[in-house]
PDB file of all heavy atoms in Angstrom:
ATOM      1  N   ILE A   1       0.836  -1.189  -0.010  1.00  0.00           N
ATOM      2  CA  ILE A   1       0.000  -0.002   0.008  1.00  0.00           C
ATOM      3  C   ILE A   1       0.904   1.233   0.009  1.00  0.00           C
ATOM      4  O   ILE A   1       1.409   1.642   1.049  1.00  0.00           O
ATOM      5  CB  ILE A   1      -0.916  -0.011   1.218  1.00  0.00           C
ATOM      6  CG1 ILE A   1      -1.773  -1.277   1.294  1.00  0.00           C
ATOM      7  CG2 ILE A   1      -1.843   1.232   1.220  1.00  0.00           C
ATOM      8  CD1 ILE A   1      -2.601  -1.428   2.541  1.00  0.00           C
ATOM      9  N   PRO A   2       1.042   1.878  -1.159  1.00  0.00           N
ATOM     10  CA  PRO A   2       1.799   3.165  -1.159  1.00  0.00           C
ATOM     11  C   PRO A   2       0.995   4.211  -0.426  1.00  0.00           C
ATOM     12  O   PRO A   2      -0.237   4.196  -0.423  1.00  0.00           O
ATOM     13  CB  PRO A   2       1.861   3.512  -2.652  1.00  0.00           C
ATOM     14  CG  PRO A   2       1.510   2.245  -3.389  1.00  0.00           C
ATOM     15  CD  PRO A   2       0.608   1.488  -2.485  1.00  0.00           C
ATOM     16  N   GLY A   3       1.676   5.086   0.263  1.00  0.00           N
ATOM     17  CA  GLY A   3       0.972   6.133   1.009  1.00  0.00           C
ATOM     18  C   GLY A   3       1.935   6.908   1.874  1.00  0.00           C
ATOM     19  O   GLY A   3       3.156   6.865   1.736  1.00  0.00           O
ATOM     20  N   PHE A   4       1.315   7.650   2.828  1.00  0.00           N
ATOM     21  CA  PHE A   4       2.060   8.550   3.687  1.00  0.00           C
ATOM     22  C   PHE A   4       1.928   8.140   5.155  1.00  0.00           C
ATOM     23  O   PHE A   4       1.636   6.987   5.420  1.00  0.00           O
ATOM     24  CB  PHE A   4       1.596  10.001   3.441  1.00  0.00           C
ATOM     25  CG  PHE A   4       1.880  10.460   2.035  1.00  0.00           C
ATOM     26  CD1 PHE A   4       0.961  10.256   0.999  1.00  0.00           C
ATOM     27  CD2 PHE A   4       3.084  11.070   1.680  1.00  0.00           C
ATOM     28  CE1 PHE A   4       1.220  10.639  -0.292  1.00  0.00           C
ATOM     29  CE2 PHE A   4       3.363  11.471   0.387  1.00  0.00           C
ATOM     30  CZ  PHE A   4       2.446  11.273  -0.608  1.00  0.00           C
ATOM     31  N   ALA A   5       2.144   9.058   6.063  1.00  0.00           N
ATOM     32  CA  ALA A   5       2.225   8.694   7.466  1.00  0.00           C
ATOM     33  C   ALA A   5       0.956   8.021   7.987  1.00  0.00           C
ATOM     34  O   ALA A   5       1.004   7.201   8.891  1.00  0.00           O
ATOM     35  CB  ALA A   5       2.535   9.981   8.304  1.00  0.00           C
ATOM     36  N   ASP A   6      -0.250   8.420   7.449  1.00  0.00           N
ATOM     37  CA  ASP A   6      -1.467   7.830   7.958  1.00  0.00           C
ATOM     38  C   ASP A   6      -1.566   6.359   7.675  1.00  0.00           C
ATOM     39  O   ASP A   6      -2.063   5.562   8.469  1.00  0.00           O
ATOM     40  CB  ASP A   6      -2.704   8.575   7.379  1.00  0.00           C
ATOM     41  CG  ASP A   6      -2.762   8.550   5.852  1.00  0.00           C
ATOM     42  OD1 ASP A   6      -1.707   8.371   5.235  1.00  0.00           O
ATOM     43  OD2 ASP A   6      -3.859   8.722   5.333  1.00  0.00           O
ATOM     44  N   VAL A   7      -0.977   5.945   6.533  1.00  0.00           N
ATOM     45  CA  VAL A   7      -0.944   4.504   6.205  1.00  0.00           C
ATOM     46  C   VAL A   7      -0.009   3.784   7.169  1.00  0.00           C
ATOM     47  O   VAL A   7      -0.318   2.722   7.703  1.00  0.00           O
ATOM     48  CB  VAL A   7      -0.526   4.298   4.748  1.00  0.00           C
ATOM     49  CG1 VAL A   7      -0.257   2.814   4.443  1.00  0.00           C
ATOM     50  CG2 VAL A   7      -1.604   4.829   3.791  1.00  0.00           C
ATOM     51  N   GLY A   8       1.175   4.360   7.371  1.00  0.00           N
ATOM     52  CA  GLY A   8       2.143   3.749   8.288  1.00  0.00           C
ATOM     53  C   GLY A   8       1.593   3.627   9.700  1.00  0.00           C
ATOM     54  O   GLY A   8       1.752   2.620  10.331  1.00  0.00           O
ATOM     55  N   GLN A   9       0.922   4.670  10.164  1.00  0.00           N
ATOM     56  CA  GLN A   9       0.358   4.624  11.513  1.00  0.00           C
ATOM     57  C   GLN A   9      -0.743   3.568  11.599  1.00  0.00           C
ATOM     58  O   GLN A   9      -0.795   2.824  12.600  1.00  0.00           O
ATOM     59  CB  GLN A   9      -0.231   5.993  11.883  1.00  0.00           C
ATOM     60  CG  GLN A   9      -0.773   6.029  13.311  1.00  0.00           C
ATOM     61  CD  GLN A   9      -1.254   7.422  13.704  1.00  0.00           C
ATOM     62  OE1 GLN A   9      -1.495   8.276  12.881  1.00  0.00           O
ATOM     63  NE2 GLN A   9      -1.413   7.641  15.003  1.00  0.00           N
ATOM     64  N   ALA A  10      -1.573   3.448  10.588  1.00  0.00           N
ATOM     65  CA  ALA A  10      -2.654   2.438  10.615  1.00  0.00           C
ATOM     66  C   ALA A  10      -2.069   1.044  10.643  1.00  0.00           C
ATOM     67  O   ALA A  10      -2.593   0.143  11.322  1.00  0.00           O
ATOM     68  CB  ALA A  10      -3.545   2.623   9.368  1.00  0.00           C
ATOM     69  N   MET A  11      -0.934   0.838   9.952  1.00  0.00           N
ATOM     70  CA  MET A  11      -0.289  -0.491   9.936  1.00  0.00           C
ATOM     71  C   MET A  11       0.331  -0.801  11.260  1.00  0.00           C
ATOM     72  O   MET A  11       0.138  -1.891  11.833  1.00  0.00           O
ATOM     73  CB  MET A  11       0.791  -0.528   8.838  1.00  0.00           C
ATOM     74  CG  MET A  11       0.267  -0.578   7.423  1.00  0.00           C
ATOM     75  SD  MET A  11       1.516  -0.267   6.161  1.00  0.00           S
ATOM     76  CE  MET A  11       2.790  -1.440   6.638  1.00  0.00           C
ATOM     77  N   THR A  12       1.126   0.135  11.792  1.00  0.00           N
ATOM     78  CA  THR A  12       1.939  -0.158  12.987  1.00  0.00           C
ATOM     79  C   THR A  12       1.104  -0.188  14.288  1.00  0.00           C
ATOM     80  O   THR A  12       1.557  -0.769  15.266  1.00  0.00           O
ATOM     81  CB  THR A  12       3.066   0.844  13.132  1.00  0.00           C
ATOM     82  OG1 THR A  12       2.548   2.178  13.180  1.00  0.00           O
ATOM     83  CG2 THR A  12       4.047   0.763  11.941  1.00  0.00           C
ATOM     84  N   THR A  13      -0.064   0.405  14.263  1.00  0.00           N
ATOM     85  CA  THR A  13      -0.881   0.406  15.469  1.00  0.00           C
ATOM     86  C   THR A  13      -2.040  -0.592  15.408  1.00  0.00           C
ATOM     87  O   THR A  13      -2.790  -0.735  16.378  1.00  0.00           O
ATOM     88  CB  THR A  13      -1.481   1.826  15.721  1.00  0.00           C
ATOM     89  OG1 THR A  13      -2.289   2.203  14.589  1.00  0.00           O
ATOM     90  CG2 THR A  13      -0.382   2.866  15.917  1.00  0.00           C
ATOM     91  N   HIS A  14      -2.183  -1.280  14.287  1.00  0.00           N
ATOM     92  CA  HIS A  14      -3.307  -2.213  14.146  1.00  0.00           C
ATOM     93  C   HIS A  14      -3.200  -3.355  15.134  1.00  0.00           C
ATOM     94  O   HIS A  14      -2.116  -3.989  15.253  1.00  0.00           O
ATOM     95  CB  HIS A  14      -3.354  -2.757  12.711  1.00  0.00           C
ATOM     96  CG  HIS A  14      -4.683  -3.323  12.344  1.00  0.00           C
ATOM     97  ND1 HIS A  14      -5.180  -4.489  12.917  1.00  0.00           N
ATOM     98  CD2 HIS A  14      -5.654  -2.910  11.512  1.00  0.00           C
ATOM     99  CE1 HIS A  14      -6.339  -4.768  12.428  1.00  0.00           C
ATOM    100  NE2 HIS A  14      -6.680  -3.819  11.571  1.00  0.00           N
ATOM    101  N   PRO A  15      -4.264  -3.643  15.876  1.00  0.00           N
ATOM    102  CA  PRO A  15      -4.157  -4.671  16.918  1.00  0.00           C
ATOM    103  C   PRO A  15      -3.892  -6.077  16.371  1.00  0.00           C
ATOM    104  O   PRO A  15      -3.434  -6.953  17.130  1.00  0.00           O
ATOM    105  CB  PRO A  15      -5.539  -4.596  17.611  1.00  0.00           C
ATOM    106  CG  PRO A  15      -6.457  -3.931  16.627  1.00  0.00           C
ATOM    107  CD  PRO A  15      -5.575  -2.997  15.858  1.00  0.00           C
ATOM    108  N   ASP A  16      -4.178  -6.314  15.117  1.00  0.00           N
ATOM    109  CA  ASP A  16      -3.944  -7.654  14.540  1.00  0.00           C
ATOM    110  C   ASP A  16      -2.590  -7.827  13.881  1.00  0.00           C
ATOM    111  O   ASP A  16      -2.302  -8.906  13.396  1.00  0.00           O
ATOM    112  CB  ASP A  16      -5.053  -7.959  13.507  1.00  0.00           C
ATOM    113  CG  ASP A  16      -6.454  -8.135  14.151  1.00  0.00           C
ATOM    114  OD1 ASP A  16      -6.486  -8.663  15.291  1.00  0.00           O
ATOM    115  OD2 ASP A  16      -7.434  -7.726  13.529  1.00  0.00           O
ATOM    116  N   VAL A  17      -1.803  -6.759  13.876  1.00  0.00           N
ATOM    117  CA  VAL A  17      -0.414  -6.859  13.388  1.00  0.00           C
ATOM    118  C   VAL A  17       0.464  -7.273  14.583  1.00  0.00           C
ATOM    119  O   VAL A  17       0.393  -6.677  15.665  1.00  0.00           O
ATOM    120  CB  VAL A  17       0.049  -5.522  12.816  1.00  0.00           C
ATOM    121  CG1 VAL A  17       1.564  -5.496  12.615  1.00  0.00           C
ATOM    122  CG2 VAL A  17      -0.658  -5.215  11.480  1.00  0.00           C
ATOM    123  N   ARG A  18       1.299  -8.275  14.355  1.00  0.00           N
ATOM    124  CA  ARG A  18       2.112  -8.799  15.441  1.00  0.00           C
ATOM    125  C   ARG A  18       3.562  -8.334  15.408  1.00  0.00           C
ATOM    126  O   ARG A  18       4.233  -8.182  16.405  1.00  0.00           O
ATOM    127  CB  ARG A  18       2.078 -10.344  15.422  1.00  0.00           C
ATOM    128  CG  ARG A  18       2.906 -11.018  16.517  1.00  0.00           C
ATOM    129  CD  ARG A  18       2.427 -10.607  17.881  1.00  0.00           C
ATOM    130  NE  ARG A  18       3.193 -11.285  18.940  1.00  0.00           N
ATOM    131  CZ  ARG A  18       3.243 -10.957  20.223  1.00  0.00           C
ATOM    132  NH1 ARG A  18       2.490  -9.933  20.625  1.00  0.00           N
ATOM    133  NH2 ARG A  18       3.958 -11.625  21.068  1.00  0.00           N
ATOM    134  N   VAL A  19       4.063  -8.070  14.159  1.00  0.00           N
ATOM    135  CA  VAL A  19       5.463  -7.663  14.002  1.00  0.00           C
ATOM    136  C   VAL A  19       5.527  -6.366  13.190  1.00  0.00           C
ATOM    137  O   VAL A  19       4.843  -6.268  12.149  1.00  0.00           O
ATOM    138  CB  VAL A  19       6.291  -8.744  13.276  1.00  0.00           C
ATOM    139  CG1 VAL A  19       7.752  -8.338  13.170  1.00  0.00           C
ATOM    140  CG2 VAL A  19       6.174 -10.089  13.994  1.00  0.00           C
ATOM    141  N   VAL A  20       6.311  -5.429  13.626  1.00  0.00           N
ATOM    142  CA  VAL A  20       6.588  -4.198  12.884  1.00  0.00           C
ATOM    143  C   VAL A  20       8.038  -4.183  12.499  1.00  0.00           C
ATOM    144  O   VAL A  20       8.928  -4.232  13.369  1.00  0.00           O
ATOM    145  CB  VAL A  20       6.236  -2.944  13.659  1.00  0.00           C
ATOM    146  CG1 VAL A  20       6.668  -1.675  12.907  1.00  0.00           C
ATOM    147  CG2 VAL A  20       4.752  -2.874  13.950  1.00  0.00           C
ATOM    148  N   SER A  21       8.359  -4.164  11.221  1.00  0.00           N
ATOM    149  CA  SER A  21       9.746  -4.060  10.740  1.00  0.00           C
ATOM    150  C   SER A  21       9.872  -2.753   9.961  1.00  0.00           C
ATOM    151  O   SER A  21       9.248  -2.595   8.908  1.00  0.00           O
ATOM    152  CB  SER A  21      10.071  -5.290   9.822  1.00  0.00           C
ATOM    153  OG  SER A  21      11.422  -5.215   9.390  1.00  0.00           O
ATOM    154  N   PHE A  22      10.692  -1.856  10.491  1.00  0.00           N
ATOM    155  CA  PHE A  22      10.788  -0.495   9.969  1.00  0.00           C
ATOM    156  C   PHE A  22      12.251  -0.163   9.661  1.00  0.00           C
ATOM    157  O   PHE A  22      13.125  -0.408  10.522  1.00  0.00           O
ATOM    158  CB  PHE A  22      10.191   0.483  10.945  1.00  0.00           C
ATOM    159  CG  PHE A  22      10.467   1.951  10.633  1.00  0.00           C
ATOM    160  CD1 PHE A  22       9.767   2.579   9.602  1.00  0.00           C
ATOM    161  CD2 PHE A  22      11.436   2.687  11.320  1.00  0.00           C
ATOM    162  CE1 PHE A  22       9.999   3.915   9.320  1.00  0.00           C
ATOM    163  CE2 PHE A  22      11.653   4.007  10.996  1.00  0.00           C
ATOM    164  CZ  PHE A  22      10.953   4.628   9.989  1.00  0.00           C
ATOM    165  N   THR A  23      12.487   0.418   8.516  1.00  0.00           N
ATOM    166  CA  THR A  23      13.795   1.060   8.236  1.00  0.00           C
ATOM    167  C   THR A  23      13.541   2.478   7.858  1.00  0.00           C
ATOM    168  O   THR A  23      12.778   2.780   6.936  1.00  0.00           O
ATOM    169  CB  THR A  23      14.500   0.328   7.063  1.00  0.00           C
ATOM    170  OG1 THR A  23      14.711  -1.031   7.437  1.00  0.00           O
ATOM    171  CG2 THR A  23      15.834   0.966   6.780  1.00  0.00           C
ATOM    172  N   GLY A  24      14.174   3.402   8.532  1.00  0.00           N
ATOM    173  CA  GLY A  24      13.960   4.829   8.313  1.00  0.00           C
ATOM    174  C   GLY A  24      14.678   5.657   9.333  1.00  0.00           C
ATOM    175  O   GLY A  24      15.660   5.263   9.946  1.00  0.00           O
TER     176      GLY A  24
END
């Protein structure tokens, strides 16, 4: 999903996501 900060926030805070892998 290309996008901006709102997409990243929705991904990293979603309760059904178990792992966050971020480079930045």
